[in-house]
Amino acid sequence: LSCAASAASTFTLEYHAVGWFRQAPGKEREAVSCVSSSGGSTNYAD
């Protein structure tokens, strides 16, 4: 999967932490993973 700032954005992803979440039918949204703005730190769901 890719997550990009759209061409219409006036900001970039620089200095942004970015996370991936998912939601299955009938279930709560859950965190999947996140990366810090530097890329040096990451977290994952078990």
ModelCIF file with pLDDT and N, C-alpha, C, O atoms, coordinates in Angstrom:
data_MODEL
#
_entry.id   MODEL 
#
_entity.id                         1 
_entity.type                       polymer 
_entity.pdbx_number_of_molecules   1 
#
_entity_poly.entity_id                      1 
_entity_poly.type                           'polypeptide(L)' 
_entity_poly.nstd_linkage                   no 
_entity_poly.nstd_monomer                   no 
_entity_poly.pdbx_seq_one_letter_code       LSCAASAASTFTLEYHAVGWFRQAPGKEREAVSCVSSSGGSTNYAD 
_entity_poly.pdbx_seq_one_letter_code_can   LSCAASAASTFTLEYHAVGWFRQAPGKEREAVSCVSSSGGSTNYAD 
_entity_poly.pdbx_strand_id                 A 
#
loop_
_entity_poly_seq.entity_id 
_entity_poly_seq.num 
_entity_poly_seq.mon_id 
_entity_poly_seq.hetero 
1 1  LEU n 
1 2  SER n 
1 3  CYS n 
1 4  ALA n 
1 5  ALA n 
1 6  SER n 
1 7  ALA n 
1 8  ALA n 
1 9  SER n 
1 10 THR n 
1 11 PHE n 
1 12 THR n 
1 13 LEU n 
1 14 GLU n 
1 15 TYR n 
1 16 HIS n 
1 17 ALA n 
1 18 VAL n 
1 19 GLY n 
1 20 TRP n 
1 21 PHE n 
1 22 ARG n 
1 23 GLN n 
1 24 ALA n 
1 25 PRO n 
1 26 GLY n 
1 27 LYS n 
1 28 GLU n 
1 29 ARG n 
1 30 GLU n 
1 31 ALA n 
1 32 VAL n 
1 33 SER n 
1 34 CYS n 
1 35 VAL n 
1 36 SER n 
1 37 SER n 
1 38 SER n 
1 39 GLY n 
1 40 GLY n 
1 41 SER n 
1 42 THR n 
1 43 ASN n 
1 44 TYR n 
1 45 ALA n 
1 46 ASP n 
#
_struct_asym.id          A 
_struct_asym.entity_id   1 
#
loop_
_ma_qa_metric.id 
_ma_qa_metric.mode 
_ma_qa_metric.name 
_ma_qa_metric.software_group_id 
_ma_qa_metric.type 
1 global pLDDT . pLDDT 
2 local  pLDDT . pLDDT 
#
_ma_qa_metric_global.metric_id      1 
_ma_qa_metric_global.metric_value   92.48 
_ma_qa_metric_global.model_id       1 
_ma_qa_metric_global.ordinal_id     1 
#
loop_
_ma_qa_metric_local.label_asym_id 
_ma_qa_metric_local.label_comp_id 
_ma_qa_metric_local.label_seq_id 
_ma_qa_metric_local.metric_id 
_ma_qa_metric_local.metric_value 
_ma_qa_metric_local.model_id 
_ma_qa_metric_local.ordinal_id 
A LEU 1  2 98.00 1 1  
A SER 2  2 98.00 1 2  
A CYS 3  2 97.00 1 3  
A ALA 4  2 95.00 1 4  
A ALA 5  2 89.00 1 5  
A SER 6  2 82.00 1 6  
A ALA 7  2 74.00 1 7  
A ALA 8  2 77.00 1 8  
A SER 9  2 76.00 1 9  
A THR 10 2 78.00 1 10 
A PHE 11 2 83.00 1 11 
A THR 12 2 86.00 1 12 
A LEU 13 2 89.00 1 13 
A GLU 14 2 88.00 1 14 
A TYR 15 2 90.00 1 15 
A HIS 16 2 94.00 1 16 
A ALA 17 2 95.00 1 17 
A VAL 18 2 96.00 1 18 
A GLY 19 2 97.00 1 19 
A TRP 20 2 98.00 1 20 
A PHE 21 2 98.00 1 21 
A ARG 22 2 98.00 1 22 
A GLN 23 2 98.00 1 23 
A ALA 24 2 96.00 1 24 
A PRO 25 2 91.00 1 25 
A GLY 26 2 93.00 1 26 
A LYS 27 2 95.00 1 27 
A GLU 28 2 95.00 1 28 
A ARG 29 2 96.00 1 29 
A GLU 30 2 96.00 1 30 
A ALA 31 2 97.00 1 31 
A VAL 32 2 98.00 1 32 
A SER 33 2 97.00 1 33 
A CYS 34 2 97.00 1 34 
A VAL 35 2 96.00 1 35 
A SER 36 2 94.00 1 36 
A SER 37 2 92.00 1 37 
A SER 38 2 90.00 1 38 
A GLY 39 2 89.00 1 39 
A GLY 40 2 91.00 1 40 
A SER 41 2 94.00 1 41 
A THR 42 2 96.00 1 42 
A ASN 43 2 96.00 1 43 
A TYR 44 2 97.00 1 44 
A ALA 45 2 97.00 1 45 
A ASP 46 2 97.00 1 46 
#
loop_
_atom_site.group_PDB 
_atom_site.id 
_atom_site.type_symbol 
_atom_site.label_atom_id 
_atom_site.label_alt_id 
_atom_site.label_comp_id 
_atom_site.label_asym_id 
_atom_site.label_entity_id 
_atom_site.label_seq_id 
_atom_site.pdbx_PDB_ins_code 
_atom_site.Cartn_x 
_atom_site.Cartn_y 
_atom_site.Cartn_z 
_atom_site.occupancy 
_atom_site.B_iso_or_equiv 
_atom_site.pdbx_formal_charge 
_atom_site.auth_seq_id 
_atom_site.auth_comp_id 
_atom_site.auth_asym_id 
_atom_site.auth_atom_id 
_atom_site.pdbx_PDB_model_num 
ATOM 1   N N  . LEU A 1 1  ? 0.836   -1.192 0.000  1.00 98.00 ? 1  LEU A N  1 
ATOM 2   C CA . LEU A 1 1  ? 0.000   0.000  0.000  1.00 98.00 ? 1  LEU A CA 1 
ATOM 3   C C  . LEU A 1 1  ? 0.877   1.251  0.000  1.00 98.00 ? 1  LEU A C  1 
ATOM 4   O O  . LEU A 1 1  ? 1.976   1.261  0.555  1.00 98.00 ? 1  LEU A O  1 
ATOM 5   N N  . SER A 1 2  ? 0.369   2.291  -0.629 1.00 98.00 ? 2  SER A N  1 
ATOM 6   C CA . SER A 1 2  ? 1.057   3.577  -0.649 1.00 98.00 ? 2  SER A CA 1 
ATOM 7   C C  . SER A 1 2  ? 0.136   4.657  -0.108 1.00 98.00 ? 2  SER A C  1 
ATOM 8   O O  . SER A 1 2  ? -1.075  4.633  -0.326 1.00 98.00 ? 2  SER A O  1 
ATOM 9   N N  . CYS A 1 3  ? 0.726   5.594  0.593  1.00 97.00 ? 3  CYS A N  1 
ATOM 10  C CA . CYS A 1 3  ? 0.009   6.761  1.104  1.00 97.00 ? 3  CYS A CA 1 
ATOM 11  C C  . CYS A 1 3  ? 0.805   7.981  0.670  1.00 97.00 ? 3  CYS A C  1 
ATOM 12  O O  . CYS A 1 3  ? 1.948   8.170  1.087  1.00 97.00 ? 3  CYS A O  1 
ATOM 13  N N  . ALA A 1 4  ? 0.196   8.801  -0.165 1.00 95.00 ? 4  ALA A N  1 
ATOM 14  C CA . ALA A 1 4  ? 0.898   9.961  -0.704 1.00 95.00 ? 4  ALA A CA 1 
ATOM 15  C C  . ALA A 1 4  ? 0.114   11.240 -0.455 1.00 95.00 ? 4  ALA A C  1 
ATOM 16  O O  . ALA A 1 4  ? -1.114  11.230 -0.366 1.00 95.00 ? 4  ALA A O  1 
ATOM 17  N N  . ALA A 1 5  ? 0.845   12.334 -0.343 1.00 89.00 ? 5  ALA A N  1 
ATOM 18  C CA . ALA A 1 5  ? 0.195   13.637 -0.309 1.00 89.00 ? 5  ALA A CA 1 
ATOM 19  C C  . ALA A 1 5  ? -0.288  13.944 -1.716 1.00 89.00 ? 5  ALA A C  1 
ATOM 20  O O  . ALA A 1 5  ? 0.471   13.823 -2.678 1.00 89.00 ? 5  ALA A O  1 
ATOM 21  N N  . SER A 1 6  ? -1.541  14.336 -1.839 1.00 82.00 ? 6  SER A N  1 
ATOM 22  C CA . SER A 1 6  ? -2.091  14.573 -3.161 1.00 82.00 ? 6  SER A CA 1 
ATOM 23  C C  . SER A 1 6  ? -1.463  15.799 -3.802 1.00 82.00 ? 6  SER A C  1 
ATOM 24  O O  . SER A 1 6  ? -0.864  16.643 -3.134 1.00 82.00 ? 6  SER A O  1 
ATOM 25  N N  . ALA A 1 7  ? -1.616  15.870 -5.110 1.00 74.00 ? 7  ALA A N  1 
ATOM 26  C CA . ALA A 1 7  ? -1.087  17.013 -5.854 1.00 74.00 ? 7  ALA A CA 1 
ATOM 27  C C  . ALA A 1 7  ? -1.739  18.321 -5.415 1.00 74.00 ? 7  ALA A C  1 
ATOM 28  O O  . ALA A 1 7  ? -1.173  19.400 -5.586 1.00 74.00 ? 7  ALA A O  1 
ATOM 29  N N  . ALA A 1 8  ? -2.938  18.208 -4.848 1.00 77.00 ? 8  ALA A N  1 
ATOM 30  C CA . ALA A 1 8  ? -3.655  19.398 -4.401 1.00 77.00 ? 8  ALA A CA 1 
ATOM 31  C C  . ALA A 1 8  ? -3.198  19.868 -3.021 1.00 77.00 ? 8  ALA A C  1 
ATOM 32  O O  . ALA A 1 8  ? -3.612  20.928 -2.553 1.00 77.00 ? 8  ALA A O  1 
ATOM 33  N N  . SER A 1 9  ? -2.344  19.075 -2.373 1.00 76.00 ? 9  SER A N  1 
ATOM 34  C CA . SER A 1 9  ? -1.902  19.446 -1.033 1.00 76.00 ? 9  SER A CA 1 
ATOM 35  C C  . SER A 1 9  ? -0.964  20.647 -1.068 1.00 76.00 ? 9  SER A C  1 
ATOM 36  O O  . SER A 1 9  ? -0.128  20.791 -1.960 1.00 76.00 ? 9  SER A O  1 
ATOM 37  N N  . THR A 1 10 ? -1.134  21.486 -0.082 1.00 78.00 ? 10 THR A N  1 
ATOM 38  C CA . THR A 1 10 ? -0.197  22.606 0.059  1.00 78.00 ? 10 THR A CA 1 
ATOM 39  C C  . THR A 1 10 ? 0.916   22.259 1.037  1.00 78.00 ? 10 THR A C  1 
ATOM 40  O O  . THR A 1 10 ? 1.868   23.023 1.204  1.00 78.00 ? 10 THR A O  1 
ATOM 41  N N  . PHE A 1 11 ? 0.791   21.094 1.687  1.00 83.00 ? 11 PHE A N  1 
ATOM 42  C CA . PHE A 1 11 ? 1.817   20.633 2.603  1.00 83.00 ? 11 PHE A CA 1 
ATOM 43  C C  . PHE A 1 11 ? 2.336   19.283 2.116  1.00 83.00 ? 11 PHE A C  1 
ATOM 44  O O  . PHE A 1 11 ? 1.658   18.572 1.375  1.00 83.00 ? 11 PHE A O  1 
ATOM 45  N N  . THR A 1 12 ? 3.540   18.946 2.543  1.00 86.00 ? 12 THR A N  1 
ATOM 46  C CA . THR A 1 12 ? 4.107   17.635 2.263  1.00 86.00 ? 12 THR A CA 1 
ATOM 47  C C  . THR A 1 12 ? 4.025   16.791 3.530  1.00 86.00 ? 12 THR A C  1 
ATOM 48  O O  . THR A 1 12 ? 3.540   17.242 4.568  1.00 86.00 ? 12 THR A O  1 
ATOM 49  N N  . LEU A 1 13 ? 4.514   15.541 3.421  1.00 89.00 ? 13 LEU A N  1 
ATOM 50  C CA . LEU A 1 13 ? 4.529   14.668 4.587  1.00 89.00 ? 13 LEU A CA 1 
ATOM 51  C C  . LEU A 1 13 ? 5.741   14.895 5.491  1.00 89.00 ? 13 LEU A C  1 
ATOM 52  O O  . LEU A 1 13 ? 5.902   14.219 6.507  1.00 89.00 ? 13 LEU A O  1 
ATOM 53  N N  . GLU A 1 14 ? 6.578   15.839 5.116  1.00 88.00 ? 14 GLU A N  1 
ATOM 54  C CA . GLU A 1 14 ? 7.725   16.153 5.952  1.00 88.00 ? 14 GLU A CA 1 
ATOM 55  C C  . GLU A 1 14 ? 7.249   16.601 7.328  1.00 88.00 ? 14 GLU A C  1 
ATOM 56  O O  . GLU A 1 14 ? 6.263   17.330 7.433  1.00 88.00 ? 14 GLU A O  1 
ATOM 57  N N  . TYR A 1 15 ? 7.925   16.184 8.359  1.00 90.00 ? 15 TYR A N  1 
ATOM 58  C CA . TYR A 1 15 ? 7.596   16.507 9.747  1.00 90.00 ? 15 TYR A CA 1 
ATOM 59  C C  . TYR A 1 15 ? 6.267   15.902 10.211 1.00 90.00 ? 15 TYR A C  1 
ATOM 60  O O  . TYR A 1 15 ? 5.746   16.283 11.259 1.00 90.00 ? 15 TYR A O  1 
ATOM 61  N N  . HIS A 1 16 ? 5.720   14.967 9.440  1.00 94.00 ? 16 HIS A N  1 
ATOM 62  C CA . HIS A 1 16 ? 4.490   14.296 9.825  1.00 94.00 ? 16 HIS A CA 1 
ATOM 63  C C  . HIS A 1 16 ? 4.755   12.852 10.239 1.00 94.00 ? 16 HIS A C  1 
ATOM 64  O O  . HIS A 1 16 ? 5.444   12.116 9.533  1.00 94.00 ? 16 HIS A O  1 
ATOM 65  N N  . ALA A 1 17 ? 4.204   12.447 11.390 1.00 95.00 ? 17 ALA A N  1 
ATOM 66  C CA . ALA A 1 17 ? 4.097   11.028 11.685 1.00 95.00 ? 17 ALA A CA 1 
ATOM 67  C C  . ALA A 1 17 ? 2.950   10.493 10.837 1.00 95.00 ? 17 ALA A C  1 
ATOM 68  O O  . ALA A 1 17 ? 1.953   11.185 10.630 1.00 95.00 ? 17 ALA A O  1 
ATOM 69  N N  . VAL A 1 18 ? 3.088   9.268  10.348 1.00 96.00 ? 18 VAL A N  1 
ATOM 70  C CA . VAL A 1 18 ? 2.068   8.680  9.481  1.00 96.00 ? 18 VAL A CA 1 
ATOM 71  C C  . VAL A 1 18 ? 1.709   7.289  9.993  1.00 96.00 ? 18 VAL A C  1 
ATOM 72  O O  . VAL A 1 18 ? 2.584   6.475  10.284 1.00 96.00 ? 18 VAL A O  1 
ATOM 73  N N  . GLY A 1 19 ? 0.434   7.037  10.094 1.00 97.00 ? 19 GLY A N  1 
ATOM 74  C CA . GLY A 1 19 ? -0.031  5.745  10.565 1.00 97.00 ? 19 GLY A CA 1 
ATOM 75  C C  . GLY A 1 19 ? -0.938  5.064  9.566  1.00 97.00 ? 19 GLY A C  1 
ATOM 76  O O  . GLY A 1 19 ? -1.569  5.716  8.734  1.00 97.00 ? 19 GLY A O  1 
ATOM 77  N N  . TRP A 1 20 ? -0.997  3.748  9.656  1.00 98.00 ? 20 TRP A N  1 
ATOM 78  C CA . TRP A 1 20 ? -1.956  2.948  8.882  1.00 98.00 ? 20 TRP A CA 1 
ATOM 79  C C  . TRP A 1 20 ? -2.955  2.333  9.856  1.00 98.00 ? 20 TRP A C  1 
ATOM 80  O O  . TRP A 1 20 ? -2.578  1.789  10.894 1.00 98.00 ? 20 TRP A O  1 
ATOM 81  N N  . PHE A 1 21 ? -4.214  2.429  9.509  1.00 98.00 ? 21 PHE A N  1 
ATOM 82  C CA . PHE A 1 21 ? -5.288  1.867  10.304 1.00 98.00 ? 21 PHE A CA 1 
ATOM 83  C C  . PHE A 1 21 ? -6.165  1.024  9.379  1.00 98.00 ? 21 PHE A C  1 
ATOM 84  O O  . PHE A 1 21 ? -6.112  1.170  8.158  1.00 98.00 ? 21 PHE A O  1 
ATOM 85  N N  . ARG A 1 22 ? -6.958  0.157  9.960  1.00 98.00 ? 22 ARG A N  1 
ATOM 86  C CA . ARG A 1 22 ? -7.874  -0.641 9.132  1.00 98.00 ? 22 ARG A CA 1 
ATOM 87  C C  . ARG A 1 22 ? -9.186  -0.852 9.862  1.00 98.00 ? 22 ARG A C  1 
ATOM 88  O O  . ARG A 1 22 ? -9.257  -0.829 11.091 1.00 98.00 ? 22 ARG A O  1 
ATOM 89  N N  . GLN A 1 23 ? -10.219 -1.057 9.065  1.00 98.00 ? 23 GLN A N  1 
ATOM 90  C CA . GLN A 1 23 ? -11.535 -1.319 9.627  1.00 98.00 ? 23 GLN A CA 1 
ATOM 91  C C  . GLN A 1 23 ? -12.232 -2.371 8.782  1.00 98.00 ? 23 GLN A C  1 
ATOM 92  O O  . GLN A 1 23 ? -12.462 -2.184 7.587  1.00 98.00 ? 23 GLN A O  1 
ATOM 93  N N  . ALA A 1 24 ? -12.560 -3.469 9.422  1.00 96.00 ? 24 ALA A N  1 
ATOM 94  C CA . ALA A 1 24 ? -13.293 -4.544 8.770  1.00 96.00 ? 24 ALA A CA 1 
ATOM 95  C C  . ALA A 1 24 ? -14.789 -4.349 9.037  1.00 96.00 ? 24 ALA A C  1 
ATOM 96  O O  . ALA A 1 24 ? -15.158 -3.699 10.015 1.00 96.00 ? 24 ALA A O  1 
ATOM 97  N N  . PRO A 1 25 ? -15.644 -4.896 8.191  1.00 91.00 ? 25 PRO A N  1 
ATOM 98  C CA . PRO A 1 25 ? -17.088 -4.752 8.384  1.00 91.00 ? 25 PRO A CA 1 
ATOM 99  C C  . PRO A 1 25 ? -17.522 -5.226 9.768  1.00 91.00 ? 25 PRO A C  1 
ATOM 100 O O  . PRO A 1 25 ? -17.180 -6.331 10.190 1.00 91.00 ? 25 PRO A O  1 
ATOM 101 N N  . GLY A 1 26 ? -18.270 -4.390 10.462 1.00 93.00 ? 26 GLY A N  1 
ATOM 102 C CA . GLY A 1 26 ? -18.782 -4.747 11.767 1.00 93.00 ? 26 GLY A CA 1 
ATOM 103 C C  . GLY A 1 26 ? -17.774 -4.692 12.896 1.00 93.00 ? 26 GLY A C  1 
ATOM 104 O O  . GLY A 1 26 ? -18.069 -5.083 14.026 1.00 93.00 ? 26 GLY A O  1 
ATOM 105 N N  . LYS A 1 27 ? -16.577 -4.202 12.585 1.00 95.00 ? 27 LYS A N  1 
ATOM 106 C CA . LYS A 1 27 ? -15.538 -4.137 13.616 1.00 95.00 ? 27 LYS A CA 1 
ATOM 107 C C  . LYS A 1 27 ? -15.071 -2.706 13.822 1.00 95.00 ? 27 LYS A C  1 
ATOM 108 O O  . LYS A 1 27 ? -15.279 -1.830 12.983 1.00 95.00 ? 27 LYS A O  1 
ATOM 109 N N  . GLU A 1 28 ? -14.434 -2.502 14.965 1.00 95.00 ? 28 GLU A N  1 
ATOM 110 C CA . GLU A 1 28 ? -13.866 -1.193 15.262 1.00 95.00 ? 28 GLU A CA 1 
ATOM 111 C C  . GLU A 1 28 ? -12.613 -0.958 14.414 1.00 95.00 ? 28 GLU A C  1 
ATOM 112 O O  . GLU A 1 28 ? -11.920 -1.895 14.015 1.00 95.00 ? 28 GLU A O  1 
ATOM 113 N N  . ARG A 1 29 ? -12.350 0.316  14.155 1.00 96.00 ? 29 ARG A N  1 
ATOM 114 C CA . ARG A 1 29 ? -11.090 0.649  13.479 1.00 96.00 ? 29 ARG A CA 1 
ATOM 115 C C  . ARG A 1 29 ? -9.925  0.311  14.396 1.00 96.00 ? 29 ARG A C  1 
ATOM 116 O O  . ARG A 1 29 ? -9.984  0.560  15.601 1.00 96.00 ? 29 ARG A O  1 
ATOM 117 N N  . GLU A 1 30 ? -8.874  -0.251 13.832 1.00 96.00 ? 30 GLU A N  1 
ATOM 118 C CA . GLU A 1 30 ? -7.716  -0.621 14.640 1.00 96.00 ? 30 GLU A CA 1 
ATOM 119 C C  . GLU A 1 30 ? -6.436  -0.110 14.000 1.00 96.00 ? 30 GLU A C  1 
ATOM 120 O O  . GLU A 1 30 ? -6.332  0.018  12.780 1.00 96.00 ? 30 GLU A O  1 
ATOM 121 N N  . ALA A 1 31 ? -5.481  0.175  14.844 1.00 97.00 ? 31 ALA A N  1 
ATOM 122 C CA . ALA A 1 31 ? -4.177  0.618  14.362 1.00 97.00 ? 31 ALA A CA 1 
ATOM 123 C C  . ALA A 1 31 ? -3.398  -0.571 13.824 1.00 97.00 ? 31 ALA A C  1 
ATOM 124 O O  . ALA A 1 31 ? -3.432  -1.662 14.392 1.00 97.00 ? 31 ALA A O  1 
ATOM 125 N N  . VAL A 1 32 ? -2.708  -0.348 12.741 1.00 98.00 ? 32 VAL A N  1 
ATOM 126 C CA . VAL A 1 32 ? -1.884  -1.382 12.121 1.00 98.00 ? 32 VAL A CA 1 
ATOM 127 C C  . VAL A 1 32 ? -0.398  -1.081 12.324 1.00 98.00 ? 32 VAL A C  1 
ATOM 128 O O  . VAL A 1 32 ? 0.363   -1.931 12.786 1.00 98.00 ? 32 VAL A O  1 
ATOM 129 N N  . SER A 1 33 ? -0.003  0.137  11.973 1.00 97.00 ? 33 SER A N  1 
ATOM 130 C CA . SER A 1 33 ? 1.401   0.495  12.065 1.00 97.00 ? 33 SER A CA 1 
ATOM 131 C C  . SER A 1 33 ? 1.551   2.001  12.001 1.00 97.00 ? 33 SER A C  1 
ATOM 132 O O  . SER A 1 33 ? 0.656   2.708  11.539 1.00 97.00 ? 33 SER A O  1 
ATOM 133 N N  . CYS A 1 34 ? 2.692   2.486  12.469 1.00 97.00 ? 34 CYS A N  1 
ATOM 134 C CA . CYS A 1 34 ? 2.970   3.914  12.404 1.00 97.00 ? 34 CYS A CA 1 
ATOM 135 C C  . CYS A 1 34 ? 4.464   4.127  12.227 1.00 97.00 ? 34 CYS A C  1 
ATOM 136 O O  . CYS A 1 34 ? 5.273   3.335  12.709 1.00 97.00 ? 34 CYS A O  1 
ATOM 137 N N  . VAL A 1 35 ? 4.824   5.196  11.538 1.00 96.00 ? 35 VAL A N  1 
ATOM 138 C CA . VAL A 1 35 ? 6.226   5.568  11.368 1.00 96.00 ? 35 VAL A CA 1 
ATOM 139 C C  . VAL A 1 35 ? 6.388   7.025  11.755 1.00 96.00 ? 35 VAL A C  1 
ATOM 140 O O  . VAL A 1 35 ? 5.542   7.863  11.443 1.00 96.00 ? 35 VAL A O  1 
ATOM 141 N N  . SER A 1 36 ? 7.477   7.315  12.435 1.00 94.00 ? 36 SER A N  1 
ATOM 142 C CA . SER A 1 36 ? 7.747   8.688  12.851 1.00 94.00 ? 36 SER A CA 1 
ATOM 143 C C  . SER A 1 36 ? 8.152   9.538  11.652 1.00 94.00 ? 36 SER A C  1 
ATOM 144 O O  . SER A 1 36 ? 8.421   9.017  10.569 1.00 94.00 ? 36 SER A O  1 
ATOM 145 N N  . SER A 1 37 ? 8.193   10.846 11.857 1.00 92.00 ? 37 SER A N  1 
ATOM 146 C CA . SER A 1 37 ? 8.523   11.753 10.757 1.00 92.00 ? 37 SER A CA 1 
ATOM 147 C C  . SER A 1 37 ? 9.932   11.527 10.229 1.00 92.00 ? 37 SER A C  1 
ATOM 148 O O  . SER A 1 37 ? 10.199  11.726 9.044  1.00 92.00 ? 37 SER A O  1 
ATOM 149 N N  . SER A 1 38 ? 10.829  11.112 11.109 1.00 90.00 ? 38 SER A N  1 
ATOM 150 C CA . SER A 1 38 ? 12.207  10.843 10.683 1.00 90.00 ? 38 SER A CA 1 
ATOM 151 C C  . SER A 1 38 ? 12.349  9.496  10.000 1.00 90.00 ? 38 SER A C  1 
ATOM 152 O O  . SER A 1 38 ? 13.316  9.244  9.281  1.00 90.00 ? 38 SER A O  1 
ATOM 153 N N  . GLY A 1 39 ? 11.362  8.627  10.239 1.00 89.00 ? 39 GLY A N  1 
ATOM 154 C CA . GLY A 1 39 ? 11.484  7.257  9.754  1.00 89.00 ? 39 GLY A CA 1 
ATOM 155 C C  . GLY A 1 39 ? 12.261  6.359  10.698 1.00 89.00 ? 39 GLY A C  1 
ATOM 156 O O  . GLY A 1 39 ? 12.395  5.160  10.456 1.00 89.00 ? 39 GLY A O  1 
ATOM 157 N N  . GLY A 1 40 ? 12.771  6.940  11.771 1.00 91.00 ? 40 GLY A N  1 
ATOM 158 C CA . GLY A 1 40 ? 13.611  6.175  12.676 1.00 91.00 ? 40 GLY A CA 1 
ATOM 159 C C  . GLY A 1 40 ? 12.876  5.323  13.677 1.00 91.00 ? 40 GLY A C  1 
ATOM 160 O O  . GLY A 1 40 ? 13.452  4.403  14.257 1.00 91.00 ? 40 GLY A O  1 
ATOM 161 N N  . SER A 1 41 ? 11.595  5.622  13.889 1.00 94.00 ? 41 SER A N  1 
ATOM 162 C CA . SER A 1 41 ? 10.797  4.838  14.837 1.00 94.00 ? 41 SER A CA 1 
ATOM 163 C C  . SER A 1 41 ? 9.569   4.283  14.147 1.00 94.00 ? 41 SER A C  1 
ATOM 164 O O  . SER A 1 41 ? 8.911   4.967  13.363 1.00 94.00 ? 41 SER A O  1 
ATOM 165 N N  . THR A 1 42 ? 9.271   3.020  14.455 1.00 96.00 ? 42 THR A N  1 
ATOM 166 C CA . THR A 1 42 ? 8.079   2.380  13.904 1.00 96.00 ? 42 THR A CA 1 
ATOM 167 C C  . THR A 1 42 ? 7.393   1.575  15.001 1.00 96.00 ? 42 THR A C  1 
ATOM 168 O O  . THR A 1 42 ? 8.029   1.114  15.949 1.00 96.00 ? 42 THR A O  1 
ATOM 169 N N  . ASN A 1 43 ? 6.095   1.421  14.850 1.00 96.00 ? 43 ASN A N  1 
ATOM 170 C CA . ASN A 1 43 ? 5.316   0.574  15.749 1.00 96.00 ? 43 ASN A CA 1 
ATOM 171 C C  . ASN A 1 43 ? 4.383   -0.305 14.930 1.00 96.00 ? 43 ASN A C  1 
ATOM 172 O O  . ASN A 1 43 ? 3.958   0.069  13.837 1.00 96.00 ? 43 ASN A O  1 
ATOM 173 N N  . TYR A 1 44 ? 4.070   -1.469 15.466 1.00 97.00 ? 44 TYR A N  1 
ATOM 174 C CA . TYR A 1 44 ? 3.189   -2.403 14.774 1.00 97.00 ? 44 TYR A CA 1 
ATOM 175 C C  . TYR A 1 44 ? 2.202   -3.020 15.759 1.00 97.00 ? 44 TYR A C  1 
ATOM 176 O O  . TYR A 1 44 ? 2.516   -3.221 16.932 1.00 97.00 ? 44 TYR A O  1 
ATOM 177 N N  . ALA A 1 45 ? 1.012   -3.316 15.265 1.00 97.00 ? 45 ALA A N  1 
ATOM 178 C CA . ALA A 1 45 ? 0.074   -4.110 16.037 1.00 97.00 ? 45 ALA A CA 1 
ATOM 179 C C  . ALA A 1 45 ? 0.615   -5.528 16.142 1.00 97.00 ? 45 ALA A C  1 
ATOM 180 O O  . ALA A 1 45 ? 1.274   -6.015 15.223 1.00 97.00 ? 45 ALA A O  1 
ATOM 181 N N  . ASP A 1 46 ? 0.339   -6.188 17.255 1.00 97.00 ? 46 ASP A N  1 
ATOM 182 C CA . ASP A 1 46 ? 0.837   -7.556 17.450 1.00 97.00 ? 46 ASP A CA 1 
ATOM 183 C C  . ASP A 1 46 ? 0.383   -8.479 16.321 1.00 97.00 ? 46 ASP A C  1 
ATOM 184 O O  . ASP A 1 46 ? 0.711   -9.666 16.323 1.00 97.00 ? 46 ASP A O  1 
#
